Amino acid sequence: LNNDQQLCVTLFYLEKKSYQQIADQTGYNMMQVKSHIQNGKRNLKTILEKKLNKG
């Protein structure tokens, strides 16, 4: 994940922050926060699938 995605995904899923809290903390707007989280989730899924398929 790129740095923006990693930060937003970590804050949202691990630190249980809301989109608004993430936006306030990072300076991103709400659309950017949502986009970073969605893209981060998609990229994590792809990375995990590749690792699992390699066995």
PDB file of N, CA and C in Angstrom:
ATOM      1  N   LEU A   1       0.847  -1.191   0.000  1.00  0.00           N
ATOM      2  CA  LEU A   1       0.000   0.000   0.000  1.00  0.00           C
ATOM      3  C   LEU A   1       0.883   1.241   0.000  1.00  0.00           C
ATOM      4  N   ASN A   2       0.367   2.280  -0.627  1.00  0.00           N
ATOM      5  CA  ASN A   2       1.125   3.520  -0.539  1.00  0.00           C
ATOM      6  C   ASN A   2       0.917   4.132   0.855  1.00  0.00           C
ATOM      7  N   ASN A   3       1.679   5.155   1.166  1.00  0.00           N
ATOM      8  CA  ASN A   3       1.645   5.730   2.517  1.00  0.00           C
ATOM      9  C   ASN A   3       0.272   6.263   2.903  1.00  0.00           C
ATOM     10  N   ASP A   4      -0.422   6.907   1.966  1.00  0.00           N
ATOM     11  CA  ASP A   4      -1.745   7.464   2.257  1.00  0.00           C
ATOM     12  C   ASP A   4      -2.736   6.356   2.591  1.00  0.00           C
ATOM     13  N   GLN A   5      -2.731   5.301   1.793  1.00  0.00           N
ATOM     14  CA  GLN A   5      -3.632   4.170   2.026  1.00  0.00           C
ATOM     15  C   GLN A   5      -3.302   3.488   3.345  1.00  0.00           C
ATOM     16  N   GLN A   6      -2.029   3.264   3.584  1.00  0.00           N
ATOM     17  CA  GLN A   6      -1.613   2.586   4.811  1.00  0.00           C
ATOM     18  C   GLN A   6      -2.054   3.376   6.042  1.00  0.00           C
ATOM     19  N   LEU A   7      -1.866   4.684   6.012  1.00  0.00           N
ATOM     20  CA  LEU A   7      -2.252   5.524   7.139  1.00  0.00           C
ATOM     21  C   LEU A   7      -3.756   5.468   7.374  1.00  0.00           C
ATOM     22  N   CYS A   8      -4.541   5.656   6.329  1.00  0.00           N
ATOM     23  CA  CYS A   8      -5.998   5.678   6.475  1.00  0.00           C
ATOM     24  C   CYS A   8      -6.542   4.316   6.903  1.00  0.00           C
ATOM     25  N   VAL A   9      -6.039   3.244   6.320  1.00  0.00           N
ATOM     26  CA  VAL A   9      -6.496   1.899   6.691  1.00  0.00           C
ATOM     27  C   VAL A   9      -6.145   1.610   8.148  1.00  0.00           C
ATOM     28  N   THR A  10      -4.944   1.974   8.563  1.00  0.00           N
ATOM     29  CA  THR A  10      -4.529   1.754   9.953  1.00  0.00           C
ATOM     30  C   THR A  10      -5.409   2.534  10.915  1.00  0.00           C
ATOM     31  N   LEU A  11      -5.641   3.801  10.616  1.00  0.00           N
ATOM     32  CA  LEU A  11      -6.467   4.622  11.506  1.00  0.00           C
ATOM     33  C   LEU A  11      -7.901   4.107  11.569  1.00  0.00           C
ATOM     34  N   PHE A  12      -8.438   3.672  10.434  1.00  0.00           N
ATOM     35  CA  PHE A  12      -9.833   3.246  10.383  1.00  0.00           C
ATOM     36  C   PHE A  12     -10.039   1.877  11.023  1.00  0.00           C
ATOM     37  N   TYR A  13      -9.243   0.902  10.629  1.00  0.00           N
ATOM     38  CA  TYR A  13      -9.480  -0.474  11.075  1.00  0.00           C
ATOM     39  C   TYR A  13      -8.783  -0.819  12.389  1.00  0.00           C
ATOM     40  N   LEU A  14      -7.590  -0.330  12.599  1.00  0.00           N
ATOM     41  CA  LEU A  14      -6.856  -0.706  13.805  1.00  0.00           C
ATOM     42  C   LEU A  14      -7.101   0.258  14.962  1.00  0.00           C
ATOM     43  N   GLU A  15      -7.228   1.544  14.649  1.00  0.00           N
ATOM     44  CA  GLU A  15      -7.442   2.532  15.705  1.00  0.00           C
ATOM     45  C   GLU A  15      -8.905   2.941  15.837  1.00  0.00           C
ATOM     46  N   LYS A  16      -9.768   2.372  14.973  1.00  0.00           N
ATOM     47  CA  LYS A  16     -11.223   2.581  15.044  1.00  0.00           C
ATOM     48  C   LYS A  16     -11.628   4.054  14.951  1.00  0.00           C
ATOM     49  N   LYS A  17     -10.913   4.811  14.119  1.00  0.00           N
ATOM     50  CA  LYS A  17     -11.242   6.221  13.912  1.00  0.00           C
ATOM     51  C   LYS A  17     -12.333   6.338  12.849  1.00  0.00           C
ATOM     52  N   SER A  18     -13.136   7.379  12.963  1.00  0.00           N
ATOM     53  CA  SER A  18     -14.158   7.650  11.952  1.00  0.00           C
ATOM     54  C   SER A  18     -13.510   8.347  10.753  1.00  0.00           C
ATOM     55  N   TYR A  19     -14.249   8.391   9.651  1.00  0.00           N
ATOM     56  CA  TYR A  19     -13.747   9.115   8.480  1.00  0.00           C
ATOM     57  C   TYR A  19     -13.438  10.564   8.853  1.00  0.00           C
ATOM     58  N   GLN A  20     -14.322  11.176   9.617  1.00  0.00           N
ATOM     59  CA  GLN A  20     -14.125  12.574   9.997  1.00  0.00           C
ATOM     60  C   GLN A  20     -12.888  12.740  10.871  1.00  0.00           C
ATOM     61  N   GLN A  21     -12.682  11.829  11.808  1.00  0.00           N
ATOM     62  CA  GLN A  21     -11.493  11.901  12.661  1.00  0.00           C
ATOM     63  C   GLN A  21     -10.220  11.741  11.834  1.00  0.00           C
ATOM     64  N   ILE A  22     -10.262  10.840  10.865  1.00  0.00           N
ATOM     65  CA  ILE A  22      -9.099  10.639   9.993  1.00  0.00           C
ATOM     66  C   ILE A  22      -8.846  11.895   9.169  1.00  0.00           C
ATOM     67  N   ALA A  23      -9.903  12.475   8.631  1.00  0.00           N
ATOM     68  CA  ALA A  23      -9.764  13.706   7.847  1.00  0.00           C
ATOM     69  C   ALA A  23      -9.174  14.822   8.705  1.00  0.00           C
ATOM     70  N   ASP A  24      -9.668  14.964   9.922  1.00  0.00           N
ATOM     71  CA  ASP A  24      -9.154  16.002  10.820  1.00  0.00           C
ATOM     72  C   ASP A  24      -7.679  15.772  11.148  1.00  0.00           C
ATOM     73  N   GLN A  25      -7.316  14.529  11.367  1.00  0.00           N
ATOM     74  CA  GLN A  25      -5.951  14.190  11.777  1.00  0.00           C
ATOM     75  C   GLN A  25      -4.955  14.308  10.629  1.00  0.00           C
ATOM     76  N   THR A  26      -5.378  13.934   9.424  1.00  0.00           N
ATOM     77  CA  THR A  26      -4.446  13.877   8.293  1.00  0.00           C
ATOM     78  C   THR A  26      -4.467  15.121   7.411  1.00  0.00           C
ATOM     79  N   GLY A  27      -5.568  15.859   7.449  1.00  0.00           N
ATOM     80  CA  GLY A  27      -5.707  16.994   6.545  1.00  0.00           C
ATOM     81  C   GLY A  27      -6.319  16.619   5.204  1.00  0.00           C
ATOM     82  N   TYR A  28      -6.623  15.334   4.991  1.00  0.00           N
ATOM     83  CA  TYR A  28      -7.308  14.910   3.772  1.00  0.00           C
ATOM     84  C   TYR A  28      -8.776  15.303   3.878  1.00  0.00           C
ATOM     85  N   ASN A  29      -9.439  15.476   2.726  1.00  0.00           N
ATOM     86  CA  ASN A  29     -10.882  15.695   2.786  1.00  0.00           C
ATOM     87  C   ASN A  29     -11.579  14.338   2.875  1.00  0.00           C
ATOM     88  N   MET A  30     -12.882  14.361   3.120  1.00  0.00           N
ATOM     89  CA  MET A  30     -13.626  13.116   3.342  1.00  0.00           C
ATOM     90  C   MET A  30     -13.561  12.184   2.132  1.00  0.00           C
ATOM     91  N   MET A  31     -13.636  12.738   0.933  1.00  0.00           N
ATOM     92  CA  MET A  31     -13.576  11.899  -0.267  1.00  0.00           C
ATOM     93  C   MET A  31     -12.212  11.223  -0.394  1.00  0.00           C
ATOM     94  N   GLN A  32     -11.154  11.939  -0.055  1.00  0.00           N
ATOM     95  CA  GLN A  32      -9.822  11.343  -0.098  1.00  0.00           C
ATOM     96  C   GLN A  32      -9.702  10.212   0.913  1.00  0.00           C
ATOM     97  N   VAL A  33     -10.224  10.421   2.115  1.00  0.00           N
ATOM     98  CA  VAL A  33     -10.172   9.388   3.155  1.00  0.00           C
ATOM     99  C   VAL A  33     -10.899   8.138   2.675  1.00  0.00           C
ATOM    100  N   LYS A  34     -12.113   8.312   2.169  1.00  0.00           N
ATOM    101  CA  LYS A  34     -12.888   7.168   1.678  1.00  0.00           C
ATOM    102  C   LYS A  34     -12.146   6.456   0.552  1.00  0.00           C
ATOM    103  N   SER A  35     -11.578   7.219  -0.347  1.00  0.00           N
ATOM    104  CA  SER A  35     -10.856   6.649  -1.479  1.00  0.00           C
ATOM    105  C   SER A  35      -9.624   5.875  -1.014  1.00  0.00           C
ATOM    106  N   HIS A  36      -8.856   6.445  -0.102  1.00  0.00           N
ATOM    107  CA  HIS A  36      -7.656   5.766   0.397  1.00  0.00           C
ATOM    108  C   HIS A  36      -8.026   4.461   1.100  1.00  0.00           C
ATOM    109  N   ILE A  37      -9.120   4.463   1.846  1.00  0.00           N
ATOM    110  CA  ILE A  37      -9.543   3.247   2.546  1.00  0.00           C
ATOM    111  C   ILE A  37     -10.021   2.196   1.542  1.00  0.00           C
ATOM    112  N   GLN A  38     -10.853   2.595   0.591  1.00  0.00           N
ATOM    113  CA  GLN A  38     -11.357   1.643  -0.406  1.00  0.00           C
ATOM    114  C   GLN A  38     -10.224   1.067  -1.248  1.00  0.00           C
ATOM    115  N   ASN A  39      -9.338   1.929  -1.719  1.00  0.00           N
ATOM    116  CA  ASN A  39      -8.218   1.456  -2.537  1.00  0.00           C
ATOM    117  C   ASN A  39      -7.261   0.602  -1.710  1.00  0.00           C
ATOM    118  N   GLY A  40      -7.057   0.989  -0.465  1.00  0.00           N
ATOM    119  CA  GLY A  40      -6.199   0.206   0.416  1.00  0.00           C
ATOM    120  C   GLY A  40      -6.755  -1.182   0.654  1.00  0.00           C
ATOM    121  N   LYS A  41      -8.067  -1.284   0.885  1.00  0.00           N
ATOM    122  CA  LYS A  41      -8.704  -2.595   1.076  1.00  0.00           C
ATOM    123  C   LYS A  41      -8.545  -3.463  -0.164  1.00  0.00           C
ATOM    124  N   ARG A  42      -8.788  -2.876  -1.319  1.00  0.00           N
ATOM    125  CA  ARG A  42      -8.669  -3.621  -2.572  1.00  0.00           C
ATOM    126  C   ARG A  42      -7.228  -4.094  -2.780  1.00  0.00           C
ATOM    127  N   ASN A  43      -6.272  -3.225  -2.513  1.00  0.00           N
ATOM    128  CA  ASN A  43      -4.868  -3.597  -2.695  1.00  0.00           C
ATOM    129  C   ASN A  43      -4.434  -4.653  -1.686  1.00  0.00           C
ATOM    130  N   LEU A  44      -4.907  -4.558  -0.449  1.00  0.00           N
ATOM    131  CA  LEU A  44      -4.592  -5.578   0.554  1.00  0.00           C
ATOM    132  C   LEU A  44      -5.136  -6.936   0.134  1.00  0.00           C
ATOM    133  N   LYS A  45      -6.348  -6.939  -0.393  1.00  0.00           N
ATOM    134  CA  LYS A  45      -6.952  -8.191  -0.853  1.00  0.00           C
ATOM    135  C   LYS A  45      -6.095  -8.823  -1.945  1.00  0.00           C
ATOM    136  N   THR A  46      -5.672  -8.017  -2.899  1.00  0.00           N
ATOM    137  CA  THR A  46      -4.844  -8.509  -3.998  1.00  0.00           C
ATOM    138  C   THR A  46      -3.516  -9.061  -3.478  1.00  0.00           C
ATOM    139  N   ILE A  47      -2.886  -8.330  -2.568  1.00  0.00           N
ATOM    140  CA  ILE A  47      -1.606  -8.765  -2.000  1.00  0.00           C
ATOM    141  C   ILE A  47      -1.769 -10.084  -1.257  1.00  0.00           C
ATOM    142  N   LEU A  48      -2.808 -10.183  -0.434  1.00  0.00           N
ATOM    143  CA  LEU A  48      -3.028 -11.405   0.338  1.00  0.00           C
ATOM    144  C   LEU A  48      -3.346 -12.594  -0.560  1.00  0.00           C
ATOM    145  N   GLU A  49      -4.152 -12.373  -1.595  1.00  0.00           N
ATOM    146  CA  GLU A  49      -4.475 -13.459  -2.520  1.00  0.00           C
ATOM    147  C   GLU A  49      -3.218 -13.980  -3.209  1.00  0.00           C
ATOM    148  N   LYS A  50      -2.334 -13.082  -3.617  1.00  0.00           N
ATOM    149  CA  LYS A  50      -1.090 -13.499  -4.270  1.00  0.00           C
ATOM    150  C   LYS A  50      -0.224 -14.307  -3.311  1.00  0.00           C
ATOM    151  N   LYS A  51      -0.128 -13.853  -2.065  1.00  0.00           N
ATOM    152  CA  LYS A  51       0.692 -14.571  -1.077  1.00  0.00           C
ATOM    153  C   LYS A  51       0.108 -15.945  -0.769  1.00  0.00           C
ATOM    154  N   LEU A  52      -1.207 -16.024  -0.640  1.00  0.00           N
ATOM    155  CA  LEU A  52      -1.847 -17.297  -0.332  1.00  0.00           C
ATOM    156  C   LEU A  52      -1.739 -18.280  -1.493  1.00  0.00           C
ATOM    157  N   ASN A  53      -1.820 -17.775  -2.709  1.00  0.00           N
ATOM    158  CA  ASN A  53      -1.731 -18.646  -3.881  1.00  0.00           C
ATOM    159  C   ASN A  53      -0.320 -19.176  -4.105  1.00  0.00           C
ATOM    160  N   LYS A  54       0.681 -18.433  -3.642  1.00  0.00           N
ATOM    161  CA  LYS A  54       2.062 -18.904  -3.770  1.00  0.00           C
ATOM    162  C   LYS A  54       2.337 -20.045  -2.805  1.00  0.00           C
ATOM    163  N   GLY A  55       1.581 -20.069  -1.682  1.00  0.00           N
ATOM    164  CA  GLY A  55       1.685 -21.123  -0.689  1.00  0.00           C
ATOM    165  C   GLY A  55       3.025 -21.189  -0.088  1.00  0.00           C
TER     166      GLY A  55
END
